[in-house]
PDB file of N, CA and C in Angstrom:
ATOM      1  N   UNK A   1     -39.897 -38.110 -12.040  1.00  0.00           N
ATOM      2  CA  UNK A   1     -40.231 -38.992 -13.129  1.00  0.00           C
ATOM      3  C   UNK A   1     -41.513 -38.482 -13.786  1.00  0.00           C
ATOM      4  N   UNK A   2     -41.514 -38.440 -15.103  1.00  0.00           N
ATOM      5  CA  UNK A   2     -42.723 -38.054 -15.817  1.00  0.00           C
ATOM      6  C   UNK A   2     -43.273 -39.277 -16.550  1.00  0.00           C
ATOM      7  N   UNK A   3     -44.591 -39.431 -16.439  1.00  0.00           N
ATOM      8  CA  UNK A   3     -45.268 -40.579 -17.017  1.00  0.00           C
ATOM      9  C   UNK A   3     -46.519 -40.072 -17.710  1.00  0.00           C
ATOM     10  N   UNK A   4     -46.896 -40.747 -18.785  1.00  0.00           N
ATOM     11  CA  UNK A   4     -48.144 -40.376 -19.462  1.00  0.00           C
ATOM     12  C   UNK A   4     -49.296 -40.454 -18.475  1.00  0.00           C
ATOM     13  N   UNK A   5     -50.236 -39.534 -18.643  1.00  0.00           N
ATOM     14  CA  UNK A   5     -51.346 -39.460 -17.695  1.00  0.00           C
ATOM     15  C   UNK A   5     -52.153 -40.762 -17.639  1.00  0.00           C
ATOM     16  N   UNK A   6     -52.221 -41.482 -18.751  1.00  0.00           N
ATOM     17  CA  UNK A   6     -52.971 -42.745 -18.780  1.00  0.00           C
ATOM     18  C   UNK A   6     -52.314 -43.806 -17.888  1.00  0.00           C
ATOM     19  N   UNK A   7     -51.005 -43.715 -17.697  1.00  0.00           N
ATOM     20  CA  UNK A   7     -50.283 -44.711 -16.916  1.00  0.00           C
ATOM     21  C   UNK A   7     -50.030 -44.268 -15.481  1.00  0.00           C
ATOM     22  N   UNK A   8     -50.242 -43.012 -15.202  1.00  0.00           N
ATOM     23  CA  UNK A   8     -49.898 -42.454 -13.892  1.00  0.00           C
ATOM     24  C   UNK A   8     -50.576 -43.195 -12.749  1.00  0.00           C
ATOM     25  N   UNK A   9     -51.827 -43.557 -12.919  1.00  0.00           N
ATOM     26  CA  UNK A   9     -52.569 -44.250 -11.865  1.00  0.00           C
ATOM     27  C   UNK A   9     -51.905 -45.572 -11.492  1.00  0.00           C
ATOM     28  N   UNK A  10     -51.348 -46.280 -12.476  1.00  0.00           N
ATOM     29  CA  UNK A  10     -50.734 -47.578 -12.229  1.00  0.00           C
ATOM     30  C   UNK A  10     -49.311 -47.463 -11.689  1.00  0.00           C
ATOM     31  N   UNK A  11     -48.602 -46.443 -12.105  1.00  0.00           N
ATOM     32  CA  UNK A  11     -47.194 -46.282 -11.754  1.00  0.00           C
ATOM     33  C   UNK A  11     -47.009 -45.681 -10.363  1.00  0.00           C
ATOM     34  N   UNK A  12     -47.994 -44.949  -9.865  1.00  0.00           N
ATOM     35  CA  UNK A  12     -47.830 -44.240  -8.602  1.00  0.00           C
ATOM     36  C   UNK A  12     -47.508 -45.160  -7.434  1.00  0.00           C
ATOM     37  N   UNK A  13     -47.836 -46.419  -7.535  1.00  0.00           N
ATOM     38  CA  UNK A  13     -47.556 -47.355  -6.452  1.00  0.00           C
ATOM     39  C   UNK A  13     -46.084 -47.770  -6.415  1.00  0.00           C
ATOM     40  N   UNK A  14     -45.379 -47.573  -7.524  1.00  0.00           N
ATOM     41  CA  UNK A  14     -43.981 -47.967  -7.613  1.00  0.00           C
ATOM     42  C   UNK A  14     -43.015 -46.812  -7.381  1.00  0.00           C
ATOM     43  N   UNK A  15     -43.465 -45.615  -7.597  1.00  0.00           N
ATOM     44  CA  UNK A  15     -42.595 -44.443  -7.498  1.00  0.00           C
ATOM     45  C   UNK A  15     -42.720 -43.801  -6.120  1.00  0.00           C
ATOM     46  N   UNK A  16     -41.588 -43.354  -5.593  1.00  0.00           N
ATOM     47  CA  UNK A  16     -41.611 -42.626  -4.335  1.00  0.00           C
ATOM     48  C   UNK A  16     -42.063 -41.204  -4.588  1.00  0.00           C
ATOM     49  N   UNK A  17     -42.784 -40.643  -3.625  1.00  0.00           N
ATOM     50  CA  UNK A  17     -43.230 -39.258  -3.772  1.00  0.00           C
ATOM     51  C   UNK A  17     -42.042 -38.330  -3.584  1.00  0.00           C
ATOM     52  N   UNK A  18     -41.930 -37.356  -4.471  1.00  0.00           N
ATOM     53  CA  UNK A  18     -40.856 -36.375  -4.366  1.00  0.00           C
ATOM     54  C   UNK A  18     -41.204 -35.292  -3.348  1.00  0.00           C
ATOM     55  N   UNK A  19     -42.486 -35.038  -3.179  1.00  0.00           N
ATOM     56  CA  UNK A  19     -42.949 -33.973  -2.293  1.00  0.00           C
ATOM     57  C   UNK A  19     -43.816 -34.603  -1.199  1.00  0.00           C
ATOM     58  N   UNK A  20     -43.491 -34.337   0.070  1.00  0.00           N
ATOM     59  CA  UNK A  20     -44.307 -34.892   1.162  1.00  0.00           C
ATOM     60  C   UNK A  20     -45.766 -34.429   1.078  1.00  0.00           C
ATOM     61  N   UNK A  21     -46.668 -35.249   1.583  1.00  0.00           N
ATOM     62  CA  UNK A  21     -48.107 -34.976   1.509  1.00  0.00           C
ATOM     63  C   UNK A  21     -48.466 -33.623   2.121  1.00  0.00           C
ATOM     64  N   UNK A  22     -47.877 -33.273   3.269  1.00  0.00           N
ATOM     65  CA  UNK A  22     -48.202 -31.989   3.910  1.00  0.00           C
ATOM     66  C   UNK A  22     -47.815 -30.820   3.011  1.00  0.00           C
ATOM     67  N   UNK A  23     -46.704 -30.963   2.307  1.00  0.00           N
ATOM     68  CA  UNK A  23     -46.260 -29.902   1.392  1.00  0.00           C
ATOM     69  C   UNK A  23     -47.195 -29.848   0.183  1.00  0.00           C
ATOM     70  N   UNK A  24     -47.678 -31.003  -0.259  1.00  0.00           N
ATOM     71  CA  UNK A  24     -48.644 -31.041  -1.361  1.00  0.00           C
ATOM     72  C   UNK A  24     -49.933 -30.322  -0.977  1.00  0.00           C
ATOM     73  N   UNK A  25     -50.355 -30.487   0.259  1.00  0.00           N
ATOM     74  CA  UNK A  25     -51.566 -29.804   0.735  1.00  0.00           C
ATOM     75  C   UNK A  25     -51.365 -28.292   0.690  1.00  0.00           C
ATOM     76  N   UNK A  26     -50.186 -27.842   1.087  1.00  0.00           N
ATOM     77  CA  UNK A  26     -49.886 -26.411   1.024  1.00  0.00           C
ATOM     78  C   UNK A  26     -49.892 -25.935  -0.419  1.00  0.00           C
ATOM     79  N   UNK A  27     -49.314 -26.724  -1.315  1.00  0.00           N
ATOM     80  CA  UNK A  27     -49.307 -26.370  -2.743  1.00  0.00           C
ATOM     81  C   UNK A  27     -50.722 -26.260  -3.286  1.00  0.00           C
ATOM     82  N   UNK A  28     -51.584 -27.184  -2.885  1.00  0.00           N
ATOM     83  CA  UNK A  28     -52.981 -27.159  -3.331  1.00  0.00           C
ATOM     84  C   UNK A  28     -53.701 -25.922  -2.821  1.00  0.00           C
ATOM     85  N   UNK A  29     -53.456 -25.558  -1.562  1.00  0.00           N
ATOM     86  CA  UNK A  29     -54.072 -24.354  -1.009  1.00  0.00           C
ATOM     87  C   UNK A  29     -53.613 -23.104  -1.754  1.00  0.00           C
ATOM     88  N   UNK A  30     -52.329 -23.043  -2.064  1.00  0.00           N
ATOM     89  CA  UNK A  30     -51.809 -21.895  -2.813  1.00  0.00           C
ATOM     90  C   UNK A  30     -52.461 -21.838  -4.189  1.00  0.00           C
ATOM     91  N   UNK A  31     -52.516 -22.970  -4.866  1.00  0.00           N
ATOM     92  CA  UNK A  31     -53.089 -23.017  -6.219  1.00  0.00           C
ATOM     93  C   UNK A  31     -54.563 -22.632  -6.197  1.00  0.00           C
ATOM     94  N   UNK A  32     -55.286 -23.107  -5.204  1.00  0.00           N
ATOM     95  CA  UNK A  32     -56.724 -22.855  -5.133  1.00  0.00           C
ATOM     96  C   UNK A  32     -57.035 -21.396  -4.795  1.00  0.00           C
ATOM     97  N   UNK A  33     -56.280 -20.821  -3.871  1.00  0.00           N
ATOM     98  CA  UNK A  33     -56.580 -19.478  -3.384  1.00  0.00           C
ATOM     99  C   UNK A  33     -55.733 -18.383  -4.020  1.00  0.00           C
ATOM    100  N   UNK A  34     -54.890 -18.727  -4.965  1.00  0.00           N
ATOM    101  CA  UNK A  34     -53.961 -17.725  -5.508  1.00  0.00           C
ATOM    102  C   UNK A  34     -54.653 -16.558  -6.180  1.00  0.00           C
ATOM    103  N   UNK A  35     -54.063 -15.388  -6.071  1.00  0.00           N
ATOM    104  CA  UNK A  35     -52.899 -15.048  -5.259  1.00  0.00           C
ATOM    105  C   UNK A  35     -53.293 -15.004  -3.788  1.00  0.00           C
ATOM    106  N   UNK A  36     -52.432 -15.525  -2.941  1.00  0.00           N
ATOM    107  CA  UNK A  36     -52.720 -15.586  -1.503  1.00  0.00           C
ATOM    108  C   UNK A  36     -51.526 -15.038  -0.729  1.00  0.00           C
ATOM    109  N   UNK A  37     -51.843 -14.282   0.318  1.00  0.00           N
ATOM    110  CA  UNK A  37     -50.779 -13.783   1.187  1.00  0.00           C
ATOM    111  C   UNK A  37     -50.255 -14.942   2.028  1.00  0.00           C
ATOM    112  N   UNK A  38     -48.951 -14.939   2.218  1.00  0.00           N
ATOM    113  CA  UNK A  38     -48.344 -15.989   3.029  1.00  0.00           C
ATOM    114  C   UNK A  38     -48.926 -15.985   4.442  1.00  0.00           C
ATOM    115  N   UNK A  39     -49.236 -14.821   4.967  1.00  0.00           N
ATOM    116  CA  UNK A  39     -49.818 -14.724   6.316  1.00  0.00           C
ATOM    117  C   UNK A  39     -51.204 -15.383   6.375  1.00  0.00           C
ATOM    118  N   UNK A  40     -51.990 -15.266   5.305  1.00  0.00           N
ATOM    119  CA  UNK A  40     -53.310 -15.920   5.261  1.00  0.00           C
ATOM    120  C   UNK A  40     -53.146 -17.437   5.206  1.00  0.00           C
ATOM    121  N   UNK A  41     -52.163 -17.879   4.456  1.00  0.00           N
ATOM    122  CA  UNK A  41     -51.883 -19.304   4.356  1.00  0.00           C
ATOM    123  C   UNK A  41     -51.445 -19.848   5.716  1.00  0.00           C
ATOM    124  N   UNK A  42     -50.655 -19.061   6.437  1.00  0.00           N
ATOM    125  CA  UNK A  42     -50.198 -19.460   7.768  1.00  0.00           C
ATOM    126  C   UNK A  42     -51.387 -19.594   8.715  1.00  0.00           C
ATOM    127  N   UNK A  43     -52.368 -18.705   8.605  1.00  0.00           N
ATOM    128  CA  UNK A  43     -53.570 -18.791   9.448  1.00  0.00           C
ATOM    129  C   UNK A  43     -54.358 -20.067   9.156  1.00  0.00           C
ATOM    130  N   UNK A  44     -54.347 -20.496   7.901  1.00  0.00           N
ATOM    131  CA  UNK A  44     -55.102 -21.683   7.497  1.00  0.00           C
ATOM    132  C   UNK A  44     -54.383 -22.976   7.875  1.00  0.00           C
ATOM    133  N   UNK A  45     -53.049 -22.961   7.832  1.00  0.00           N
ATOM    134  CA  UNK A  45     -52.288 -24.210   7.906  1.00  0.00           C
ATOM    135  C   UNK A  45     -51.290 -24.263   9.062  1.00  0.00           C
ATOM    136  N   UNK A  46     -50.984 -23.128   9.680  1.00  0.00           N
ATOM    137  CA  UNK A  46     -50.046 -23.119  10.794  1.00  0.00           C
ATOM    138  C   UNK A  46     -48.646 -22.678  10.380  1.00  0.00           C
ATOM    139  N   UNK A  47     -47.762 -22.633  11.368  1.00  0.00           N
ATOM    140  CA  UNK A  47     -46.427 -22.074  11.147  1.00  0.00           C
ATOM    141  C   UNK A  47     -45.530 -22.939  10.263  1.00  0.00           C
ATOM    142  N   UNK A  48     -45.839 -24.209  10.106  1.00  0.00           N
ATOM    143  CA  UNK A  48     -45.044 -25.089   9.230  1.00  0.00           C
ATOM    144  C   UNK A  48     -45.104 -24.631   7.774  1.00  0.00           C
ATOM    145  N   UNK A  49     -46.078 -23.800   7.472  1.00  0.00           N
ATOM    146  CA  UNK A  49     -46.269 -23.343   6.105  1.00  0.00           C
ATOM    147  C   UNK A  49     -45.025 -22.619   5.574  1.00  0.00           C
ATOM    148  N   UNK A  50     -44.287 -21.968   6.458  1.00  0.00           N
ATOM    149  CA  UNK A  50     -43.098 -21.249   6.008  1.00  0.00           C
ATOM    150  C   UNK A  50     -42.052 -22.205   5.434  1.00  0.00           C
ATOM    151  N   UNK A  51     -41.901 -23.367   6.053  1.00  0.00           N
ATOM    152  CA  UNK A  51     -40.994 -24.384   5.516  1.00  0.00           C
ATOM    153  C   UNK A  51     -41.528 -24.940   4.199  1.00  0.00           C
ATOM    154  N   UNK A  52     -42.841 -25.156   4.143  1.00  0.00           N
ATOM    155  CA  UNK A  52     -43.458 -25.683   2.922  1.00  0.00           C
ATOM    156  C   UNK A  52     -43.282 -24.702   1.766  1.00  0.00           C
ATOM    157  N   UNK A  53     -43.508 -23.413   2.035  1.00  0.00           N
ATOM    158  CA  UNK A  53     -43.366 -22.390   1.006  1.00  0.00           C
ATOM    159  C   UNK A  53     -41.931 -22.350   0.502  1.00  0.00           C
ATOM    160  N   UNK A  54     -40.990 -22.444   1.413  1.00  0.00           N
ATOM    161  CA  UNK A  54     -39.573 -22.453   1.016  1.00  0.00           C
ATOM    162  C   UNK A  54     -39.285 -23.622   0.077  1.00  0.00           C
ATOM    163  N   UNK A  55     -39.768 -24.803   0.447  1.00  0.00           N
ATOM    164  CA  UNK A  55     -39.535 -26.000  -0.375  1.00  0.00           C
ATOM    165  C   UNK A  55     -40.206 -25.873  -1.743  1.00  0.00           C
ATOM    166  N   UNK A  56     -41.444 -25.428  -1.768  1.00  0.00           N
ATOM    167  CA  UNK A  56     -42.159 -25.271  -3.036  1.00  0.00           C
ATOM    168  C   UNK A  56     -41.496 -24.222  -3.920  1.00  0.00           C
ATOM    169  N   UNK A  57     -40.991 -23.157  -3.315  1.00  0.00           N
ATOM    170  CA  UNK A  57     -40.299 -22.111  -4.069  1.00  0.00           C
ATOM    171  C   UNK A  57     -38.987 -22.649  -4.644  1.00  0.00           C
ATOM    172  N   UNK A  58     -38.243 -23.415  -3.848  1.00  0.00           N
ATOM    173  CA  UNK A  58     -36.992 -24.004  -4.320  1.00  0.00           C
ATOM    174  C   UNK A  58     -37.217 -24.989  -5.461  1.00  0.00           C
ATOM    175  N   UNK A  59     -38.362 -25.656  -5.454  1.00  0.00           N
ATOM    176  CA  UNK A  59     -38.704 -26.586  -6.537  1.00  0.00           C
ATOM    177  C   UNK A  59     -39.217 -25.866  -7.785  1.00  0.00           C
ATOM    178  N   UNK A  60     -39.434 -24.552  -7.673  1.00  0.00           N
ATOM    179  CA  UNK A  60     -39.921 -23.770  -8.802  1.00  0.00           C
ATOM    180  C   UNK A  60     -41.410 -23.903  -9.045  1.00  0.00           C
ATOM    181  N   UNK A  61     -42.150 -24.370  -8.044  1.00  0.00           N
ATOM    182  CA  UNK A  61     -43.588 -24.586  -8.210  1.00  0.00           C
ATOM    183  C   UNK A  61     -44.414 -23.356  -7.865  1.00  0.00           C
ATOM    184  N   UNK A  62     -43.842 -22.457  -7.051  1.00  0.00           N
ATOM    185  CA  UNK A  62     -44.557 -21.234  -6.694  1.00  0.00           C
ATOM    186  C   UNK A  62     -43.641 -20.022  -6.833  1.00  0.00           C
ATOM    187  N   UNK A  63     -44.293 -18.853  -6.981  1.00  0.00           N
ATOM    188  CA  UNK A  63     -43.582 -17.575  -7.008  1.00  0.00           C
ATOM    189  C   UNK A  63     -43.920 -16.831  -5.731  1.00  0.00           C
ATOM    190  N   UNK A  64     -42.928 -16.096  -5.215  1.00  0.00           N
ATOM    191  CA  UNK A  64     -43.130 -15.240  -4.045  1.00  0.00           C
ATOM    192  C   UNK A  64     -42.903 -13.806  -4.495  1.00  0.00           C
ATOM    193  N   UNK A  65     -43.861 -12.938  -4.156  1.00  0.00           N
ATOM    194  CA  UNK A  65     -43.754 -11.524  -4.523  1.00  0.00           C
ATOM    195  C   UNK A  65     -43.978 -10.690  -3.273  1.00  0.00           C
ATOM    196  N   UNK A  66     -43.023  -9.798  -3.014  1.00  0.00           N
ATOM    197  CA  UNK A  66     -43.140  -8.903  -1.866  1.00  0.00           C
ATOM    198  C   UNK A  66     -44.207  -7.857  -2.159  1.00  0.00           C
ATOM    199  N   UNK A  67     -45.150  -7.688  -1.235  1.00  0.00           N
ATOM    200  CA  UNK A  67     -46.206  -6.689  -1.367  1.00  0.00           C
ATOM    201  C   UNK A  67     -46.296  -5.958  -0.036  1.00  0.00           C
ATOM    202  N   UNK A  68     -45.550  -4.880   0.081  1.00  0.00           N
ATOM    203  CA  UNK A  68     -45.473  -4.183   1.363  1.00  0.00           C
ATOM    204  C   UNK A  68     -44.712  -5.039   2.355  1.00  0.00           C
ATOM    205  N   UNK A  69     -45.359  -5.340   3.478  1.00  0.00           N
ATOM    206  CA  UNK A  69     -44.705  -6.147   4.509  1.00  0.00           C
ATOM    207  C   UNK A  69     -45.045  -7.631   4.406  1.00  0.00           C
ATOM    208  N   UNK A  70     -45.829  -8.005   3.439  1.00  0.00           N
ATOM    209  CA  UNK A  70     -46.230  -9.403   3.297  1.00  0.00           C
ATOM    210  C   UNK A  70     -45.714  -9.978   1.982  1.00  0.00           C
ATOM    211  N   UNK A  71     -45.839 -11.276   1.859  1.00  0.00           N
ATOM    212  CA  UNK A  71     -45.436 -11.980   0.640  1.00  0.00           C
ATOM    213  C   UNK A  71     -46.686 -12.583   0.021  1.00  0.00           C
ATOM    214  N   UNK A  72     -46.836 -12.399  -1.280  1.00  0.00           N
ATOM    215  CA  UNK A  72     -47.968 -12.947  -2.023  1.00  0.00           C
ATOM    216  C   UNK A  72     -47.468 -14.148  -2.823  1.00  0.00           C
ATOM    217  N   UNK A  73     -48.218 -15.232  -2.763  1.00  0.00           N
ATOM    218  CA  UNK A  73     -47.824 -16.486  -3.397  1.00  0.00           C
ATOM    219  C   UNK A  73     -48.746 -16.825  -4.567  1.00  0.00           C
ATOM    220  N   UNK A  74     -48.137 -17.290  -5.650  1.00  0.00           N
ATOM    221  CA  UNK A  74     -48.881 -17.792  -6.811  1.00  0.00           C
ATOM    222  C   UNK A  74     -48.131 -18.997  -7.375  1.00  0.00           C
ATOM    223  N   UNK A  75     -48.797 -19.751  -8.217  1.00  0.00           N
ATOM    224  CA  UNK A  75     -48.138 -20.891  -8.853  1.00  0.00           C
ATOM    225  C   UNK A  75     -47.357 -20.414 -10.078  1.00  0.00           C
ATOM    226  N   UNK A  76     -46.445 -21.250 -10.519  1.00  0.00           N
ATOM    227  CA  UNK A  76     -45.642 -20.975 -11.709  1.00  0.00           C
ATOM    228  C   UNK A  76     -46.124 -21.874 -12.848  1.00  0.00           C
ATOM    229  N   UNK A  77     -45.694 -21.605 -14.069  1.00  0.00           N
ATOM    230  CA  UNK A  77     -46.005 -22.527 -15.167  1.00  0.00           C
ATOM    231  C   UNK A  77     -45.478 -23.946 -14.890  1.00  0.00           C
ATOM    232  N   UNK A  78     -44.371 -24.027 -14.157  1.00  0.00           N
ATOM    233  CA  UNK A  78     -43.818 -25.343 -13.810  1.00  0.00           C
ATOM    234  C   UNK A  78     -44.781 -26.132 -12.922  1.00  0.00           C
ATOM    235  N   UNK A  79     -45.551 -25.445 -12.083  1.00  0.00           N
ATOM    236  CA  UNK A  79     -46.564 -26.100 -11.256  1.00  0.00           C
ATOM    237  C   UNK A  79     -47.536 -26.885 -12.135  1.00  0.00           C
ATOM    238  N   UNK A  80     -48.049 -26.204 -13.157  1.00  0.00           N
ATOM    239  CA  UNK A  80     -49.016 -26.847 -14.059  1.00  0.00           C
ATOM    240  C   UNK A  80     -48.391 -28.044 -14.767  1.00  0.00           C
ATOM    241  N   UNK A  81     -47.180 -27.875 -15.224  1.00  0.00           N
ATOM    242  CA  UNK A  81     -46.476 -28.959 -15.912  1.00  0.00           C
ATOM    243  C   UNK A  81     -46.231 -30.127 -14.965  1.00  0.00           C
ATOM    244  N   UNK A  82     -45.765 -29.829 -13.778  1.00  0.00           N
ATOM    245  CA  UNK A  82     -45.408 -30.853 -12.801  1.00  0.00           C
ATOM    246  C   UNK A  82     -46.613 -31.706 -12.407  1.00  0.00           C
ATOM    247  N   UNK A  83     -47.761 -31.052 -12.199  1.00  0.00           N
ATOM    248  CA  UNK A  83     -48.942 -31.765 -11.735  1.00  0.00           C
ATOM    249  C   UNK A  83     -49.879 -32.195 -12.858  1.00  0.00           C
ATOM    250  N   UNK A  84     -49.513 -31.922 -14.100  1.00  0.00           N
ATOM    251  CA  UNK A  84     -50.283 -32.417 -15.231  1.00  0.00           C
ATOM    252  C   UNK A  84     -51.493 -31.593 -15.602  1.00  0.00           C
ATOM    253  N   UNK A  85     -51.531 -30.354 -15.175  1.00  0.00           N
ATOM    254  CA  UNK A  85     -52.617 -29.465 -15.582  1.00  0.00           C
ATOM    255  C   UNK A  85     -52.280 -28.905 -16.953  1.00  0.00           C
ATOM    256  N   UNK A  86     -53.270 -28.782 -17.792  1.00  0.00           N
ATOM    257  CA  UNK A  86     -53.020 -28.291 -19.144  1.00  0.00           C
ATOM    258  C   UNK A  86     -53.106 -26.778 -19.250  1.00  0.00           C
ATOM    259  N   UNK A  87     -53.254 -26.098 -18.120  1.00  0.00           N
ATOM    260  CA  UNK A  87     -53.409 -24.652 -18.142  1.00  0.00           C
ATOM    261  C   UNK A  87     -52.526 -23.997 -17.096  1.00  0.00           C
ATOM    262  N   UNK A  88     -52.189 -22.753 -17.352  1.00  0.00           N
ATOM    263  CA  UNK A  88     -51.477 -21.949 -16.358  1.00  0.00           C
ATOM    264  C   UNK A  88     -52.369 -20.810 -15.867  1.00  0.00           C
ATOM    265  N   UNK A  89     -53.583 -20.725 -16.396  1.00  0.00           N
ATOM    266  CA  UNK A  89     -54.544 -19.710 -15.979  1.00  0.00           C
ATOM    267  C   UNK A  89     -55.004 -19.999 -14.549  1.00  0.00           C
ATOM    268  N   UNK A  90     -54.916 -19.003 -13.676  1.00  0.00           N
ATOM    269  CA  UNK A  90     -55.218 -19.190 -12.250  1.00  0.00           C
ATOM    270  C   UNK A  90     -56.634 -19.695 -12.010  1.00  0.00           C
ATOM    271  N   UNK A  91     -57.593 -19.137 -12.734  1.00  0.00           N
ATOM    272  CA  UNK A  91     -58.990 -19.537 -12.568  1.00  0.00           C
ATOM    273  C   UNK A  91     -59.196 -20.988 -13.031  1.00  0.00           C
ATOM    274  N   UNK A  92     -58.554 -21.352 -14.127  1.00  0.00           N
ATOM    275  CA  UNK A  92     -58.696 -22.715 -14.651  1.00  0.00           C
ATOM    276  C   UNK A  92     -57.961 -23.738 -13.797  1.00  0.00           C
ATOM    277  N   UNK A  93     -56.865 -23.316 -13.154  1.00  0.00           N
ATOM    278  CA  UNK A  93     -56.180 -24.219 -12.227  1.00  0.00           C
ATOM    279  C   UNK A  93     -57.099 -24.542 -11.062  1.00  0.00           C
ATOM    280  N   UNK A  94     -57.814 -23.545 -10.568  1.00  0.00           N
ATOM    281  CA  UNK A  94     -58.761 -23.751  -9.469  1.00  0.00           C
ATOM    282  C   UNK A  94     -59.842 -24.754  -9.902  1.00  0.00           C
ATOM    283  N   UNK A  95     -60.391 -24.579 -11.095  1.00  0.00           N
ATOM    284  CA  UNK A  95     -61.397 -25.503 -11.611  1.00  0.00           C
ATOM    285  C   UNK A  95     -60.819 -26.911 -11.754  1.00  0.00           C
ATOM    286  N   UNK A  96     -59.573 -27.001 -12.224  1.00  0.00           N
ATOM    287  CA  UNK A  96     -58.894 -28.283 -12.399  1.00  0.00           C
ATOM    288  C   UNK A  96     -58.737 -28.987 -11.051  1.00  0.00           C
ATOM    289  N   UNK A  97     -58.371 -28.230 -10.011  1.00  0.00           N
ATOM    290  CA  UNK A  97     -58.224 -28.812  -8.672  1.00  0.00           C
ATOM    291  C   UNK A  97     -59.555 -29.337  -8.153  1.00  0.00           C
ATOM    292  N   UNK A  98     -60.614 -28.573  -8.329  1.00  0.00           N
ATOM    293  CA  UNK A  98     -61.947 -29.000  -7.880  1.00  0.00           C
ATOM    294  C   UNK A  98     -62.341 -30.296  -8.599  1.00  0.00           C
ATOM    295  N   UNK A  99     -62.084 -30.344  -9.888  1.00  0.00           N
ATOM    296  CA  UNK A  99     -62.397 -31.547 -10.674  1.00  0.00           C
ATOM    297  C   UNK A  99     -61.615 -32.755 -10.158  1.00  0.00           C
ATOM    298  N   UNK A 100     -60.341 -32.573  -9.854  1.00  0.00           N
ATOM    299  CA  UNK A 100     -59.507 -33.666  -9.335  1.00  0.00           C
ATOM    300  C   UNK A 100     -60.039 -34.178  -7.994  1.00  0.00           C
ATOM    301  N   UNK A 101     -60.428 -33.272  -7.116  1.00  0.00           N
ATOM    302  CA  UNK A 101     -60.945 -33.657  -5.807  1.00  0.00           C
ATOM    303  C   UNK A 101     -62.255 -34.427  -5.969  1.00  0.00           C
ATOM    304  N   UNK A 102     -63.118 -33.959  -6.858  1.00  0.00           N
ATOM    305  CA  UNK A 102     -64.392 -34.641  -7.080  1.00  0.00           C
ATOM    306  C   UNK A 102     -64.182 -36.042  -7.634  1.00  0.00           C
ATOM    307  N   UNK A 103     -63.251 -36.190  -8.573  1.00  0.00           N
ATOM    308  CA  UNK A 103     -62.956 -37.520  -9.131  1.00  0.00           C
ATOM    309  C   UNK A 103     -62.404 -38.441  -8.053  1.00  0.00           C
ATOM    310  N   UNK A 104     -61.556 -37.901  -7.187  1.00  0.00           N
ATOM    311  CA  UNK A 104     -60.983 -38.698  -6.109  1.00  0.00           C
ATOM    312  C   UNK A 104     -62.062 -39.164  -5.141  1.00  0.00           C
ATOM    313  N   UNK A 105     -63.023 -38.302  -4.841  1.00  0.00           N
ATOM    314  CA  UNK A 105     -64.128 -38.674  -3.951  1.00  0.00           C
ATOM    315  C   UNK A 105     -64.954 -39.798  -4.558  1.00  0.00           C
ATOM    316  N   UNK A 106     -65.207 -39.709  -5.844  1.00  0.00           N
ATOM    317  CA  UNK A 106     -65.980 -40.748  -6.535  1.00  0.00           C
ATOM    318  C   UNK A 106     -65.249 -42.083  -6.480  1.00  0.00           C
ATOM    319  N   UNK A 107     -63.939 -42.058  -6.701  1.00  0.00           N
ATOM    320  CA  UNK A 107     -63.136 -43.291  -6.641  1.00  0.00           C
ATOM    321  C   UNK A 107     -63.206 -43.918  -5.257  1.00  0.00           C
ATOM    322  N   UNK A 108     -63.088 -43.083  -4.216  1.00  0.00           N
ATOM    323  CA  UNK A 108     -63.122 -43.596  -2.850  1.00  0.00           C
ATOM    324  C   UNK A 108     -64.484 -44.171  -2.518  1.00  0.00           C
ATOM    325  N   UNK A 109     -65.544 -43.549  -3.001  1.00  0.00           N
ATOM    326  CA  UNK A 109     -66.902 -44.044  -2.735  1.00  0.00           C
ATOM    327  C   UNK A 109     -67.140 -45.383  -3.440  1.00  0.00           C
ATOM    328  N   UNK A 110     -66.570 -45.543  -4.632  1.00  0.00           N
ATOM    329  CA  UNK A 110     -66.728 -46.804  -5.362  1.00  0.00           C
ATOM    330  C   UNK A 110     -66.008 -47.953  -4.663  1.00  0.00           C
ATOM    331  N   UNK A 111     -64.915 -47.640  -3.972  1.00  0.00           N
ATOM    332  CA  UNK A 111     -64.151 -48.683  -3.274  1.00  0.00           C
ATOM    333  C   UNK A 111     -64.876 -49.187  -2.042  1.00  0.00           C
ATOM    334  N   UNK A 112     -65.804 -48.408  -1.519  1.00  0.00           N
ATOM    335  CA  UNK A 112     -66.542 -48.818  -0.306  1.00  0.00           C
ATOM    336  C   UNK A 112     -67.508 -49.880  -0.583  1.00  0.00           C
TER     337      UNK A 112
END
């Protein structure tokens, strides 16, 4: 389901998540560290990452590129569209993620 960004905060309580939280964490790590080797991601997150990568790839959110004996992961333009980022530039996606995390921290602190 796609919703205007102004309404997303209110609608999220009614909509079921399409992607499990653990898979979202893997997606965030890929977006933040891209390009990242799948083996490095596995060291950070554990062996479940292979299932997460498969799911994210099937959803069209990440690209897998063979580089010798390893696989390099990056986000796709669909990733930016899906998560509401206005850019597909890797550096700007990283900045966008940092901004989102900071805003979330501020919201949580205000609730205390």
